[in-house]
Amino acid sequence: WGALSGGANGVVNSVIEYNGDLVVAGSFTTPGRNIAKYNGTRWDTLGSGITDTVFALAIYNNKLIAVGAFDTAGGIICNNIAQWDGTSWSPMGLGTDSTILTVETAGAFLIIGGKFTTAGGVSCSHLARWQDSSWSAMGLGVNGNVYALEKFGNGLIIGGSFTMAGADTVNRIVRFDLDSGTYTPLGTGMDSNNVYALSSFQGVVYAGGDFI
């Protein structure tokens, strides 16, 4: 292991590569305001940074997407989600009414999950997708927080603290079909507690959390 020029003075929640730099984000004031980039030698800021905690990062349409619990990025009102084009920050519609905890790309869609119940003024129950400059709901959504998203085939695996997707019992993990817009349980789900992380490897989905 080796240090990255002093690191950050607070919590780092997410790291991603963007335009040849390593971007880190979380809750810190140094080397930037809750987000910064490292070029292999030194740190630099992304504009004036983001006002509060960033929980996740993604790349969508060649832009860096930051989501979390913040009001502004680069001095621009953005309500929990903002995009960086390499030069400046800009909002994505009206954003959400509460915290976004995770973000994922799936084909033409950018998908977010979290504590929110509206995105762009549209009722969406913890899940929403962005395409063509507007937000839309993903069916009836789920009845609790979404902590993790993972693209898998033509579907999306969703993990969190929820127990229902629409009228179906799903117990903290569910699959959403991107073509039909329907939810499908993954067996009986998790017996207790939350799913916080998802990944796929050799055609298998893996879930991690504090469940037993």
N, C-alpha and C. Protein backbone atom coordinates (compact mmCIF):
# COMPACT_ATOMS: atom_id res chain seq x y z
N TRP A 1 0.83 -1.19 0.00
CA TRP A 1 0.00 0.00 0.00
C TRP A 1 0.87 1.25 0.00
N GLY A 2 0.35 2.33 -0.60
CA GLY A 2 1.06 3.60 -0.59
C GLY A 2 0.08 4.74 -0.44
N ALA A 3 0.52 5.80 0.20
CA ALA A 3 -0.33 6.97 0.42
C ALA A 3 -0.51 7.76 -0.87
N LEU A 4 -1.64 8.47 -0.96
CA LEU A 4 -1.90 9.35 -2.09
C LEU A 4 -1.72 10.79 -1.64
N SER A 5 -0.47 11.20 -1.53
CA SER A 5 -0.12 12.59 -1.23
C SER A 5 -0.94 13.18 -0.08
N GLY A 6 -0.99 12.47 1.03
CA GLY A 6 -1.68 13.00 2.21
C GLY A 6 -3.11 12.55 2.35
N GLY A 7 -3.69 12.03 1.28
CA GLY A 7 -5.06 11.53 1.35
C GLY A 7 -6.08 12.60 1.66
N ALA A 8 -7.18 12.21 2.30
CA ALA A 8 -8.26 13.13 2.64
C ALA A 8 -8.40 13.22 4.15
N ASN A 9 -8.96 14.33 4.64
CA ASN A 9 -9.08 14.54 6.08
C ASN A 9 -10.45 14.14 6.62
N GLY A 10 -11.15 13.29 5.88
CA GLY A 10 -12.46 12.81 6.32
C GLY A 10 -12.78 11.51 5.61
N VAL A 11 -14.05 11.15 5.61
CA VAL A 11 -14.52 9.87 5.06
C VAL A 11 -14.57 9.92 3.53
N VAL A 12 -14.05 8.87 2.88
CA VAL A 12 -14.19 8.69 1.44
C VAL A 12 -15.22 7.60 1.20
N ASN A 13 -16.28 7.92 0.46
CA ASN A 13 -17.36 6.97 0.20
C ASN A 13 -17.28 6.32 -1.17
N SER A 14 -16.60 6.96 -2.12
CA SER A 14 -16.60 6.44 -3.49
C SER A 14 -15.35 6.88 -4.24
N VAL A 15 -14.86 6.01 -5.10
CA VAL A 15 -13.73 6.34 -5.98
C VAL A 15 -14.06 5.85 -7.39
N ILE A 16 -13.58 6.60 -8.40
CA ILE A 16 -13.83 6.22 -9.79
C ILE A 16 -12.78 6.89 -10.67
N GLU A 17 -12.50 6.31 -11.82
CA GLU A 17 -11.60 6.93 -12.78
C GLU A 17 -12.40 7.78 -13.75
N TYR A 18 -11.93 9.00 -14.00
CA TYR A 18 -12.61 9.90 -14.94
C TYR A 18 -11.57 10.74 -15.66
N ASN A 19 -11.54 10.64 -16.97
CA ASN A 19 -10.61 11.41 -17.80
C ASN A 19 -9.15 11.25 -17.36
N GLY A 20 -8.79 10.02 -16.97
CA GLY A 20 -7.41 9.75 -16.62
C GLY A 20 -7.02 10.10 -15.20
N ASP A 21 -7.96 10.63 -14.42
CA ASP A 21 -7.71 10.95 -13.02
C ASP A 21 -8.50 10.00 -12.11
N LEU A 22 -8.03 9.83 -10.89
CA LEU A 22 -8.79 9.12 -9.87
C LEU A 22 -9.60 10.15 -9.10
N VAL A 23 -10.92 10.03 -9.16
CA VAL A 23 -11.80 10.95 -8.43
C VAL A 23 -12.26 10.28 -7.15
N VAL A 24 -12.15 10.98 -6.04
CA VAL A 24 -12.62 10.47 -4.75
C VAL A 24 -13.66 11.44 -4.20
N ALA A 25 -14.65 10.88 -3.51
CA ALA A 25 -15.72 11.73 -2.97
C ALA A 25 -16.21 11.17 -1.65
N GLY A 26 -16.74 12.05 -0.82
CA GLY A 26 -17.23 11.64 0.49
C GLY A 26 -17.59 12.83 1.33
N SER A 27 -17.01 12.86 2.54
CA SER A 27 -17.27 13.95 3.47
C SER A 27 -15.93 14.43 4.02
N PHE A 28 -15.32 15.41 3.35
CA PHE A 28 -14.02 15.94 3.74
C PHE A 28 -13.86 17.37 3.21
N THR A 29 -12.87 18.07 3.72
CA THR A 29 -12.60 19.44 3.27
C THR A 29 -11.25 19.57 2.58
N THR A 30 -10.39 18.56 2.75
CA THR A 30 -9.09 18.52 2.10
C THR A 30 -8.89 17.12 1.52
N PRO A 31 -8.50 17.01 0.24
CA PRO A 31 -7.90 18.00 -0.66
C PRO A 31 -8.90 18.81 -1.48
N GLY A 32 -10.16 18.65 -1.26
CA GLY A 32 -11.19 19.43 -1.93
C GLY A 32 -12.43 19.42 -1.07
N ARG A 33 -13.46 20.09 -1.51
CA ARG A 33 -14.70 20.16 -0.74
C ARG A 33 -15.60 18.97 -1.10
N ASN A 34 -15.40 17.88 -0.40
CA ASN A 34 -16.18 16.64 -0.53
C ASN A 34 -15.95 15.87 -1.84
N ILE A 35 -15.12 16.41 -2.73
CA ILE A 35 -14.75 15.71 -3.95
C ILE A 35 -13.43 16.28 -4.45
N ALA A 36 -12.57 15.41 -4.98
CA ALA A 36 -11.27 15.85 -5.49
C ALA A 36 -10.75 14.82 -6.48
N LYS A 37 -9.75 15.18 -7.27
CA LYS A 37 -9.16 14.25 -8.24
C LYS A 37 -7.65 14.17 -8.04
N TYR A 38 -7.11 12.98 -8.35
CA TYR A 38 -5.69 12.70 -8.16
C TYR A 38 -5.13 12.20 -9.48
N ASN A 39 -4.06 12.84 -9.98
CA ASN A 39 -3.52 12.49 -11.30
C ASN A 39 -2.34 11.53 -11.24
N GLY A 40 -2.09 10.96 -10.07
CA GLY A 40 -0.97 10.06 -9.89
C GLY A 40 0.19 10.73 -9.17
N THR A 41 0.14 12.06 -9.13
CA THR A 41 1.20 12.84 -8.48
C THR A 41 0.65 13.82 -7.46
N ARG A 42 -0.43 14.51 -7.84
CA ARG A 42 -0.96 15.55 -6.96
C ARG A 42 -2.47 15.59 -7.02
N TRP A 43 -3.05 16.24 -6.01
CA TRP A 43 -4.50 16.45 -5.93
C TRP A 43 -4.90 17.76 -6.61
N ASP A 44 -6.14 17.79 -7.08
CA ASP A 44 -6.72 19.02 -7.61
C ASP A 44 -8.21 19.02 -7.31
N THR A 45 -8.83 20.19 -7.34
CA THR A 45 -10.24 20.32 -7.04
C THR A 45 -11.09 20.21 -8.31
N LEU A 46 -12.38 19.98 -8.12
CA LEU A 46 -13.35 20.02 -9.22
C LEU A 46 -14.21 21.26 -9.00
N GLY A 47 -13.77 22.36 -9.57
CA GLY A 47 -14.43 23.63 -9.30
C GLY A 47 -14.36 23.95 -7.82
N SER A 48 -15.44 24.49 -7.27
CA SER A 48 -15.48 24.80 -5.84
C SER A 48 -16.03 23.64 -5.02
N GLY A 49 -16.18 22.47 -5.67
CA GLY A 49 -16.61 21.28 -4.95
C GLY A 49 -18.10 21.23 -4.68
N ILE A 50 -18.47 20.40 -3.70
CA ILE A 50 -19.87 20.11 -3.39
C ILE A 50 -20.11 20.43 -1.91
N THR A 51 -21.29 20.97 -1.60
CA THR A 51 -21.54 21.53 -0.28
C THR A 51 -21.61 20.51 0.85
N ASP A 52 -21.99 19.27 0.55
CA ASP A 52 -22.14 18.29 1.63
C ASP A 52 -21.80 16.90 1.10
N THR A 53 -22.16 15.87 1.84
CA THR A 53 -21.67 14.51 1.60
C THR A 53 -22.04 13.95 0.24
N VAL A 54 -21.05 13.34 -0.41
CA VAL A 54 -21.25 12.58 -1.65
C VAL A 54 -21.17 11.10 -1.29
N PHE A 55 -22.16 10.31 -1.73
CA PHE A 55 -22.18 8.89 -1.41
C PHE A 55 -21.73 7.99 -2.56
N ALA A 56 -21.91 8.43 -3.81
CA ALA A 56 -21.56 7.56 -4.93
C ALA A 56 -21.24 8.37 -6.18
N LEU A 57 -20.46 7.74 -7.09
CA LEU A 57 -20.05 8.36 -8.33
C LEU A 57 -20.32 7.41 -9.50
N ALA A 58 -20.53 7.96 -10.69
CA ALA A 58 -20.70 7.16 -11.90
C ALA A 58 -20.29 8.00 -13.11
N ILE A 59 -20.11 7.35 -14.25
CA ILE A 59 -19.84 8.03 -15.51
C ILE A 59 -21.04 7.80 -16.42
N TYR A 60 -21.59 8.89 -16.97
CA TYR A 60 -22.77 8.79 -17.84
C TYR A 60 -22.65 9.85 -18.94
N ASN A 61 -22.72 9.41 -20.19
CA ASN A 61 -22.58 10.33 -21.33
C ASN A 61 -21.32 11.18 -21.23
N ASN A 62 -20.23 10.53 -20.83
CA ASN A 62 -18.91 11.17 -20.72
C ASN A 62 -18.85 12.25 -19.64
N LYS A 63 -19.80 12.24 -18.73
CA LYS A 63 -19.79 13.18 -17.61
C LYS A 63 -19.68 12.42 -16.30
N LEU A 64 -19.07 13.06 -15.31
CA LEU A 64 -18.97 12.50 -13.98
C LEU A 64 -20.23 12.86 -13.19
N ILE A 65 -20.89 11.84 -12.65
CA ILE A 65 -22.11 12.05 -11.88
C ILE A 65 -21.81 11.84 -10.41
N ALA A 66 -22.21 12.80 -9.59
CA ALA A 66 -22.05 12.69 -8.13
C ALA A 66 -23.43 12.73 -7.49
N VAL A 67 -23.67 11.81 -6.55
CA VAL A 67 -24.95 11.78 -5.84
C VAL A 67 -24.70 11.74 -4.34
N GLY A 68 -25.67 12.24 -3.57
CA GLY A 68 -25.49 12.24 -2.13
C GLY A 68 -26.56 13.03 -1.41
N ALA A 69 -26.10 13.78 -0.39
CA ALA A 69 -27.01 14.59 0.43
C ALA A 69 -26.49 16.02 0.41
N PHE A 70 -26.63 16.70 -0.72
CA PHE A 70 -26.12 18.06 -0.87
C PHE A 70 -27.10 18.93 -1.65
N ASP A 71 -26.96 20.23 -1.46
CA ASP A 71 -27.85 21.19 -2.12
C ASP A 71 -27.24 21.79 -3.38
N THR A 72 -25.92 22.06 -3.33
CA THR A 72 -25.29 22.73 -4.46
C THR A 72 -23.96 22.07 -4.81
N ALA A 73 -23.56 22.22 -6.06
CA ALA A 73 -22.25 21.79 -6.55
C ALA A 73 -21.71 22.93 -7.42
N GLY A 74 -20.50 23.38 -7.10
CA GLY A 74 -19.95 24.51 -7.84
C GLY A 74 -20.78 25.76 -7.72
N GLY A 75 -21.51 25.89 -6.61
CA GLY A 75 -22.37 27.05 -6.40
C GLY A 75 -23.71 26.97 -7.11
N ILE A 76 -23.97 25.87 -7.82
CA ILE A 76 -25.22 25.70 -8.58
C ILE A 76 -26.17 24.79 -7.80
N ILE A 77 -27.42 25.20 -7.65
CA ILE A 77 -28.42 24.37 -6.97
C ILE A 77 -28.67 23.11 -7.79
N CYS A 78 -28.57 21.96 -7.13
CA CYS A 78 -28.70 20.71 -7.89
C CYS A 78 -29.45 19.61 -7.13
N ASN A 79 -29.72 19.77 -5.85
CA ASN A 79 -30.56 18.85 -5.09
C ASN A 79 -30.16 17.38 -5.19
N ASN A 80 -29.00 17.08 -4.60
CA ASN A 80 -28.55 15.71 -4.35
C ASN A 80 -27.93 14.99 -5.55
N ILE A 81 -27.92 15.59 -6.72
CA ILE A 81 -27.26 14.98 -7.87
C ILE A 81 -26.74 16.09 -8.79
N ALA A 82 -25.50 15.90 -9.26
CA ALA A 82 -24.90 16.90 -10.15
C ALA A 82 -23.98 16.22 -11.15
N GLN A 83 -23.73 16.88 -12.28
CA GLN A 83 -22.84 16.34 -13.30
C GLN A 83 -21.70 17.32 -13.59
N TRP A 84 -20.51 16.73 -13.77
CA TRP A 84 -19.29 17.50 -14.04
C TRP A 84 -18.79 17.15 -15.44
N ASP A 85 -18.59 18.15 -16.29
CA ASP A 85 -18.19 17.90 -17.68
C ASP A 85 -16.69 18.05 -17.91
N GLY A 86 -15.94 18.16 -16.82
CA GLY A 86 -14.50 18.38 -16.91
C GLY A 86 -14.12 19.81 -16.64
N THR A 87 -15.12 20.70 -16.69
CA THR A 87 -14.89 22.13 -16.48
C THR A 87 -15.80 22.73 -15.42
N SER A 88 -17.08 22.33 -15.45
CA SER A 88 -18.04 22.95 -14.54
C SER A 88 -19.13 21.96 -14.14
N TRP A 89 -19.82 22.31 -13.04
CA TRP A 89 -20.93 21.52 -12.54
C TRP A 89 -22.26 22.02 -13.09
N SER A 90 -23.22 21.11 -13.25
CA SER A 90 -24.57 21.51 -13.66
C SER A 90 -25.58 20.54 -13.04
N PRO A 91 -26.83 20.97 -12.86
CA PRO A 91 -27.84 20.11 -12.25
C PRO A 91 -28.38 19.08 -13.25
N MET A 92 -29.14 18.12 -12.73
CA MET A 92 -29.86 17.17 -13.58
C MET A 92 -31.34 17.32 -13.25
N GLY A 93 -31.97 18.21 -13.98
CA GLY A 93 -33.35 18.55 -13.70
C GLY A 93 -33.48 19.16 -12.32
N LEU A 94 -34.56 18.82 -11.63
CA LEU A 94 -34.82 19.35 -10.30
C LEU A 94 -34.17 18.50 -9.20
N GLY A 95 -33.48 17.42 -9.58
CA GLY A 95 -32.89 16.55 -8.57
C GLY A 95 -33.96 15.81 -7.78
N THR A 96 -33.65 15.51 -6.51
CA THR A 96 -34.57 14.73 -5.68
C THR A 96 -34.92 15.47 -4.39
N ASP A 97 -35.92 14.95 -3.70
CA ASP A 97 -36.38 15.58 -2.46
C ASP A 97 -35.62 15.12 -1.23
N SER A 98 -34.76 14.09 -1.39
CA SER A 98 -33.98 13.60 -0.27
C SER A 98 -32.73 12.88 -0.79
N THR A 99 -31.99 12.26 0.12
CA THR A 99 -30.67 11.70 -0.17
C THR A 99 -30.69 10.61 -1.24
N ILE A 100 -29.69 10.67 -2.13
CA ILE A 100 -29.42 9.60 -3.09
C ILE A 100 -28.21 8.83 -2.57
N LEU A 101 -28.34 7.51 -2.49
CA LEU A 101 -27.28 6.69 -1.89
C LEU A 101 -26.48 5.90 -2.92
N THR A 102 -27.03 5.67 -4.11
CA THR A 102 -26.35 4.85 -5.10
C THR A 102 -26.76 5.27 -6.50
N VAL A 103 -25.88 5.01 -7.48
CA VAL A 103 -26.14 5.39 -8.87
C VAL A 103 -25.52 4.35 -9.78
N GLU A 104 -26.18 4.06 -10.91
CA GLU A 104 -25.70 3.05 -11.84
C GLU A 104 -26.13 3.43 -13.25
N THR A 105 -25.35 3.06 -14.26
CA THR A 105 -25.73 3.25 -15.64
C THR A 105 -26.24 1.93 -16.21
N ALA A 106 -27.24 2.01 -17.07
CA ALA A 106 -27.81 0.83 -17.70
C ALA A 106 -28.29 1.22 -19.08
N GLY A 107 -27.46 0.99 -20.11
CA GLY A 107 -27.81 1.39 -21.46
C GLY A 107 -27.96 2.90 -21.55
N ALA A 108 -29.11 3.35 -22.01
CA ALA A 108 -29.35 4.79 -22.17
C ALA A 108 -29.78 5.45 -20.87
N PHE A 109 -29.94 4.66 -19.80
CA PHE A 109 -30.47 5.19 -18.55
C PHE A 109 -29.37 5.43 -17.52
N LEU A 110 -29.58 6.46 -16.70
CA LEU A 110 -28.87 6.64 -15.45
C LEU A 110 -29.88 6.36 -14.35
N ILE A 111 -29.56 5.45 -13.45
CA ILE A 111 -30.52 5.02 -12.44
C ILE A 111 -29.99 5.37 -11.06
N ILE A 112 -30.87 5.91 -10.22
CA ILE A 112 -30.50 6.28 -8.86
C ILE A 112 -31.40 5.58 -7.85
N GLY A 113 -30.85 5.35 -6.65
CA GLY A 113 -31.62 4.78 -5.56
C GLY A 113 -31.24 5.47 -4.26
N GLY A 114 -32.14 5.46 -3.29
CA GLY A 114 -31.82 6.09 -2.02
C GLY A 114 -33.02 6.24 -1.11
N LYS A 115 -33.04 7.40 -0.42
CA LYS A 115 -34.10 7.68 0.55
C LYS A 115 -35.23 8.52 -0.04
N PHE A 116 -35.04 9.06 -1.22
CA PHE A 116 -35.97 10.01 -1.82
C PHE A 116 -37.30 9.36 -2.23
N THR A 117 -38.31 10.21 -2.38
CA THR A 117 -39.61 9.74 -2.87
C THR A 117 -40.06 10.49 -4.12
N THR A 118 -39.34 11.55 -4.49
CA THR A 118 -39.60 12.22 -5.77
C THR A 118 -38.28 12.55 -6.46
N ALA A 119 -38.31 12.52 -7.79
CA ALA A 119 -37.17 12.94 -8.62
C ALA A 119 -37.72 13.78 -9.75
N GLY A 120 -37.20 15.00 -9.88
CA GLY A 120 -37.73 15.91 -10.89
C GLY A 120 -39.19 16.25 -10.66
N GLY A 121 -39.63 16.15 -9.41
CA GLY A 121 -41.03 16.41 -9.09
C GLY A 121 -41.95 15.24 -9.33
N VAL A 122 -41.41 14.12 -9.83
CA VAL A 122 -42.21 12.93 -10.13
C VAL A 122 -42.13 11.96 -8.95
N SER A 123 -43.26 11.42 -8.51
CA SER A 123 -43.28 10.43 -7.44
C SER A 123 -42.60 9.16 -7.93
N CYS A 124 -41.63 8.65 -7.15
CA CYS A 124 -40.83 7.53 -7.65
C CYS A 124 -40.44 6.50 -6.60
N SER A 125 -40.69 6.73 -5.33
CA SER A 125 -40.53 5.75 -4.27
C SER A 125 -39.17 5.05 -4.27
N HIS A 126 -38.10 5.85 -4.01
CA HIS A 126 -36.74 5.36 -3.76
C HIS A 126 -35.94 4.95 -4.99
N LEU A 127 -36.57 4.94 -6.19
CA LEU A 127 -35.88 4.57 -7.42
C LEU A 127 -36.33 5.48 -8.55
N ALA A 128 -35.38 5.90 -9.39
CA ALA A 128 -35.74 6.73 -10.55
C ALA A 128 -34.70 6.56 -11.64
N ARG A 129 -35.09 6.86 -12.88
CA ARG A 129 -34.13 6.80 -13.98
C ARG A 129 -34.21 8.08 -14.82
N TRP A 130 -33.06 8.44 -15.35
CA TRP A 130 -32.89 9.68 -16.12
C TRP A 130 -32.58 9.32 -17.56
N GLN A 131 -33.29 9.94 -18.50
CA GLN A 131 -33.02 9.80 -19.92
C GLN A 131 -33.60 11.01 -20.64
N ASP A 132 -32.86 11.50 -21.63
CA ASP A 132 -33.34 12.63 -22.44
C ASP A 132 -33.73 13.83 -21.58
N SER A 133 -32.91 14.12 -20.59
CA SER A 133 -33.06 15.32 -19.75
C SER A 133 -34.29 15.32 -18.86
N SER A 134 -34.82 14.13 -18.53
CA SER A 134 -35.96 14.10 -17.62
C SER A 134 -35.93 12.85 -16.76
N TRP A 135 -36.58 12.93 -15.59
CA TRP A 135 -36.68 11.83 -14.65
C TRP A 135 -38.00 11.09 -14.83
N SER A 136 -37.98 9.78 -14.58
CA SER A 136 -39.21 8.99 -14.60
C SER A 136 -39.15 7.93 -13.51
N ALA A 137 -40.32 7.47 -13.09
CA ALA A 137 -40.41 6.44 -12.07
C ALA A 137 -40.07 5.07 -12.65
N MET A 138 -39.72 4.13 -11.78
CA MET A 138 -39.47 2.75 -12.19
C MET A 138 -40.59 1.89 -11.60
N GLY A 139 -41.71 1.88 -12.30
CA GLY A 139 -42.88 1.20 -11.79
C GLY A 139 -43.31 1.82 -10.47
N LEU A 140 -43.72 1.00 -9.52
CA LEU A 140 -44.18 1.49 -8.22
C LEU A 140 -43.04 1.66 -7.23
N GLY A 141 -41.81 1.30 -7.63
CA GLY A 141 -40.67 1.45 -6.75
C GLY A 141 -40.71 0.47 -5.58
N VAL A 142 -39.98 0.79 -4.51
CA VAL A 142 -39.89 -0.09 -3.34
C VAL A 142 -40.25 0.69 -2.08
N ASN A 143 -40.46 -0.03 -0.98
CA ASN A 143 -40.99 0.62 0.23
C ASN A 143 -39.93 0.93 1.27
N GLY A 144 -38.66 0.98 0.86
CA GLY A 144 -37.59 1.33 1.80
C GLY A 144 -36.37 1.81 1.06
N ASN A 145 -35.34 2.14 1.80
CA ASN A 145 -34.13 2.72 1.21
C ASN A 145 -33.44 1.74 0.25
N VAL A 146 -32.88 2.30 -0.82
CA VAL A 146 -32.07 1.54 -1.77
C VAL A 146 -30.61 1.92 -1.57
N TYR A 147 -29.76 0.92 -1.31
CA TYR A 147 -28.35 1.16 -1.04
C TYR A 147 -27.42 0.72 -2.17
N ALA A 148 -27.88 -0.18 -3.04
CA ALA A 148 -26.98 -0.72 -4.06
C ALA A 148 -27.75 -1.05 -5.34
N LEU A 149 -27.08 -0.85 -6.48
CA LEU A 149 -27.62 -1.17 -7.81
C LEU A 149 -26.54 -1.88 -8.61
N GLU A 150 -26.95 -2.86 -9.41
CA GLU A 150 -26.00 -3.57 -10.27
C GLU A 150 -26.69 -3.99 -11.57
N LYS A 151 -26.16 -3.51 -12.69
CA LYS A 151 -26.66 -3.94 -13.99
C LYS A 151 -26.32 -5.40 -14.20
N PHE A 152 -27.31 -6.19 -14.65
CA PHE A 152 -27.10 -7.63 -14.82
C PHE A 152 -27.97 -8.11 -15.98
N GLY A 153 -27.34 -8.42 -17.12
CA GLY A 153 -28.09 -8.78 -18.31
C GLY A 153 -28.95 -7.61 -18.76
N ASN A 154 -30.21 -7.89 -19.08
CA ASN A 154 -31.12 -6.80 -19.45
C ASN A 154 -31.91 -6.31 -18.25
N GLY A 155 -31.41 -6.63 -17.06
CA GLY A 155 -32.09 -6.21 -15.85
C GLY A 155 -31.18 -5.46 -14.91
N LEU A 156 -31.77 -5.03 -13.81
CA LEU A 156 -31.05 -4.31 -12.78
C LEU A 156 -31.34 -4.98 -11.45
N ILE A 157 -30.29 -5.33 -10.71
CA ILE A 157 -30.46 -5.89 -9.37
C ILE A 157 -30.43 -4.73 -8.38
N ILE A 158 -31.38 -4.73 -7.46
CA ILE A 158 -31.56 -3.64 -6.50
C ILE A 158 -31.49 -4.20 -5.09
N GLY A 159 -30.66 -3.59 -4.24
CA GLY A 159 -30.55 -4.04 -2.85
C GLY A 159 -30.77 -2.91 -1.88
N GLY A 160 -31.27 -3.23 -0.69
CA GLY A 160 -31.51 -2.18 0.30
C GLY A 160 -32.16 -2.70 1.56
N SER A 161 -33.02 -1.85 2.14
CA SER A 161 -33.71 -2.18 3.39
C SER A 161 -35.19 -2.45 3.16
N PHE A 162 -35.66 -2.40 1.93
CA PHE A 162 -37.06 -2.56 1.58
C PHE A 162 -37.52 -4.03 1.73
N THR A 163 -38.83 -4.21 1.83
CA THR A 163 -39.41 -5.56 1.88
C THR A 163 -40.43 -5.79 0.76
N MET A 164 -40.82 -4.70 0.09
CA MET A 164 -41.82 -4.80 -0.97
C MET A 164 -41.36 -4.04 -2.21
N ALA A 165 -41.70 -4.58 -3.39
CA ALA A 165 -41.57 -3.86 -4.66
C ALA A 165 -42.95 -3.88 -5.28
N GLY A 166 -43.60 -2.72 -5.30
CA GLY A 166 -45.00 -2.70 -5.68
C GLY A 166 -45.80 -3.50 -4.67
N ALA A 167 -46.56 -4.51 -5.15
CA ALA A 167 -47.37 -5.34 -4.26
C ALA A 167 -46.69 -6.66 -3.92
N ASP A 168 -45.46 -6.85 -4.37
CA ASP A 168 -44.76 -8.13 -4.19
C ASP A 168 -43.78 -8.07 -3.02
N THR A 169 -43.74 -9.14 -2.23
CA THR A 169 -42.75 -9.28 -1.18
C THR A 169 -41.42 -9.68 -1.79
N VAL A 170 -40.34 -8.93 -1.49
CA VAL A 170 -39.04 -9.19 -2.13
C VAL A 170 -37.88 -9.26 -1.13
N ASN A 171 -38.09 -8.75 0.08
CA ASN A 171 -37.10 -8.89 1.16
C ASN A 171 -35.68 -8.45 0.78
N ARG A 172 -35.55 -7.16 0.56
CA ARG A 172 -34.26 -6.46 0.51
C ARG A 172 -33.45 -6.66 -0.77
N ILE A 173 -33.96 -7.45 -1.70
CA ILE A 173 -33.28 -7.58 -2.99
C ILE A 173 -34.31 -7.96 -4.05
N VAL A 174 -34.16 -7.36 -5.25
CA VAL A 174 -35.15 -7.60 -6.30
C VAL A 174 -34.51 -7.31 -7.66
N ARG A 175 -35.07 -7.89 -8.70
CA ARG A 175 -34.62 -7.62 -10.06
C ARG A 175 -35.66 -6.78 -10.79
N PHE A 176 -35.20 -5.75 -11.50
CA PHE A 176 -36.07 -4.91 -12.31
C PHE A 176 -35.72 -5.13 -13.78
N ASP A 177 -36.71 -5.50 -14.59
CA ASP A 177 -36.50 -5.71 -16.02
C ASP A 177 -36.57 -4.37 -16.75
N LEU A 178 -35.47 -4.00 -17.39
CA LEU A 178 -35.38 -2.69 -18.03
C LEU A 178 -36.28 -2.58 -19.27
N ASP A 179 -36.63 -3.71 -19.87
CA ASP A 179 -37.49 -3.69 -21.06
C ASP A 179 -38.97 -3.65 -20.69
N SER A 180 -39.38 -4.53 -19.78
CA SER A 180 -40.81 -4.63 -19.45
C SER A 180 -41.21 -3.72 -18.30
N GLY A 181 -40.23 -3.29 -17.50
CA GLY A 181 -40.54 -2.44 -16.36
C GLY A 181 -41.17 -3.18 -15.20
N THR A 182 -40.94 -4.48 -15.11
CA THR A 182 -41.52 -5.29 -14.05
C THR A 182 -40.46 -5.72 -13.04
N TYR A 183 -40.91 -5.99 -11.80
CA TYR A 183 -40.04 -6.47 -10.73
C TYR A 183 -40.21 -7.97 -10.56
N THR A 184 -39.09 -8.66 -10.24
CA THR A 184 -39.12 -10.09 -10.00
C THR A 184 -38.34 -10.40 -8.72
N PRO A 185 -38.94 -11.11 -7.77
CA PRO A 185 -38.20 -11.48 -6.54
C PRO A 185 -37.01 -12.38 -6.88
N LEU A 186 -35.97 -12.33 -6.07
CA LEU A 186 -34.84 -13.24 -6.18
C LEU A 186 -34.97 -14.25 -5.04
N GLY A 187 -35.66 -15.34 -5.33
CA GLY A 187 -35.96 -16.30 -4.28
C GLY A 187 -36.77 -15.64 -3.18
N THR A 188 -36.44 -15.96 -1.95
CA THR A 188 -37.14 -15.35 -0.81
C THR A 188 -36.37 -14.15 -0.26
N GLY A 189 -35.32 -13.74 -0.97
CA GLY A 189 -34.56 -12.57 -0.53
C GLY A 189 -33.69 -12.86 0.68
N MET A 190 -33.46 -11.84 1.49
CA MET A 190 -32.59 -11.96 2.66
C MET A 190 -33.45 -12.10 3.92
N ASP A 191 -33.00 -12.94 4.85
CA ASP A 191 -33.80 -13.26 6.02
C ASP A 191 -33.92 -12.11 7.00
N SER A 192 -32.89 -11.25 7.06
CA SER A 192 -32.91 -10.15 8.02
C SER A 192 -31.89 -9.10 7.62
N ASN A 193 -32.18 -7.87 7.94
CA ASN A 193 -31.25 -6.76 7.73
C ASN A 193 -30.94 -6.49 6.25
N ASN A 194 -30.02 -5.56 6.00
CA ASN A 194 -29.94 -4.89 4.71
C ASN A 194 -28.89 -5.42 3.75
N VAL A 195 -29.12 -5.15 2.47
CA VAL A 195 -28.12 -5.37 1.43
C VAL A 195 -27.47 -4.02 1.13
N TYR A 196 -26.14 -3.96 1.27
CA TYR A 196 -25.42 -2.70 1.06
C TYR A 196 -24.55 -2.70 -0.19
N ALA A 197 -24.22 -3.88 -0.73
CA ALA A 197 -23.31 -3.94 -1.88
C ALA A 197 -23.71 -5.05 -2.83
N LEU A 198 -23.56 -4.79 -4.14
CA LEU A 198 -23.86 -5.77 -5.17
C LEU A 198 -22.76 -5.75 -6.22
N SER A 199 -22.50 -6.93 -6.79
CA SER A 199 -21.59 -7.02 -7.92
C SER A 199 -21.93 -8.28 -8.70
N SER A 200 -21.38 -8.40 -9.91
CA SER A 200 -21.57 -9.62 -10.71
C SER A 200 -20.22 -10.12 -11.16
N PHE A 201 -20.12 -11.47 -11.25
CA PHE A 201 -18.86 -12.10 -11.63
C PHE A 201 -19.18 -13.45 -12.26
N GLN A 202 -18.75 -13.61 -13.51
CA GLN A 202 -18.94 -14.86 -14.25
C GLN A 202 -20.39 -15.31 -14.25
N GLY A 203 -21.29 -14.36 -14.50
CA GLY A 203 -22.71 -14.68 -14.63
C GLY A 203 -23.46 -14.89 -13.33
N VAL A 204 -22.82 -14.56 -12.22
CA VAL A 204 -23.46 -14.72 -10.91
C VAL A 204 -23.51 -13.37 -10.21
N VAL A 205 -24.64 -13.07 -9.55
CA VAL A 205 -24.78 -11.85 -8.76
C VAL A 205 -24.36 -12.13 -7.32
N TYR A 206 -23.58 -11.23 -6.76
CA TYR A 206 -23.14 -11.34 -5.36
C TYR A 206 -23.71 -10.18 -4.57
N ALA A 207 -24.18 -10.46 -3.36
CA ALA A 207 -24.75 -9.44 -2.49
C ALA A 207 -24.04 -9.47 -1.14
N GLY A 208 -23.78 -8.30 -0.60
CA GLY A 208 -23.16 -8.19 0.72
C GLY A 208 -23.95 -7.22 1.59
N GLY A 209 -23.90 -7.44 2.89
CA GLY A 209 -24.61 -6.55 3.81
C GLY A 209 -24.47 -7.05 5.24
N ASP A 210 -25.48 -6.74 6.07
CA ASP A 210 -25.44 -7.21 7.45
C ASP A 210 -26.52 -8.25 7.72
N PHE A 211 -27.00 -8.87 6.66
CA PHE A 211 -27.97 -9.96 6.79
C PHE A 211 -27.28 -11.25 7.25
N ILE A 212 -28.06 -12.18 7.77
CA ILE A 212 -27.55 -13.46 8.25
C ILE A 212 -27.87 -14.59 7.29
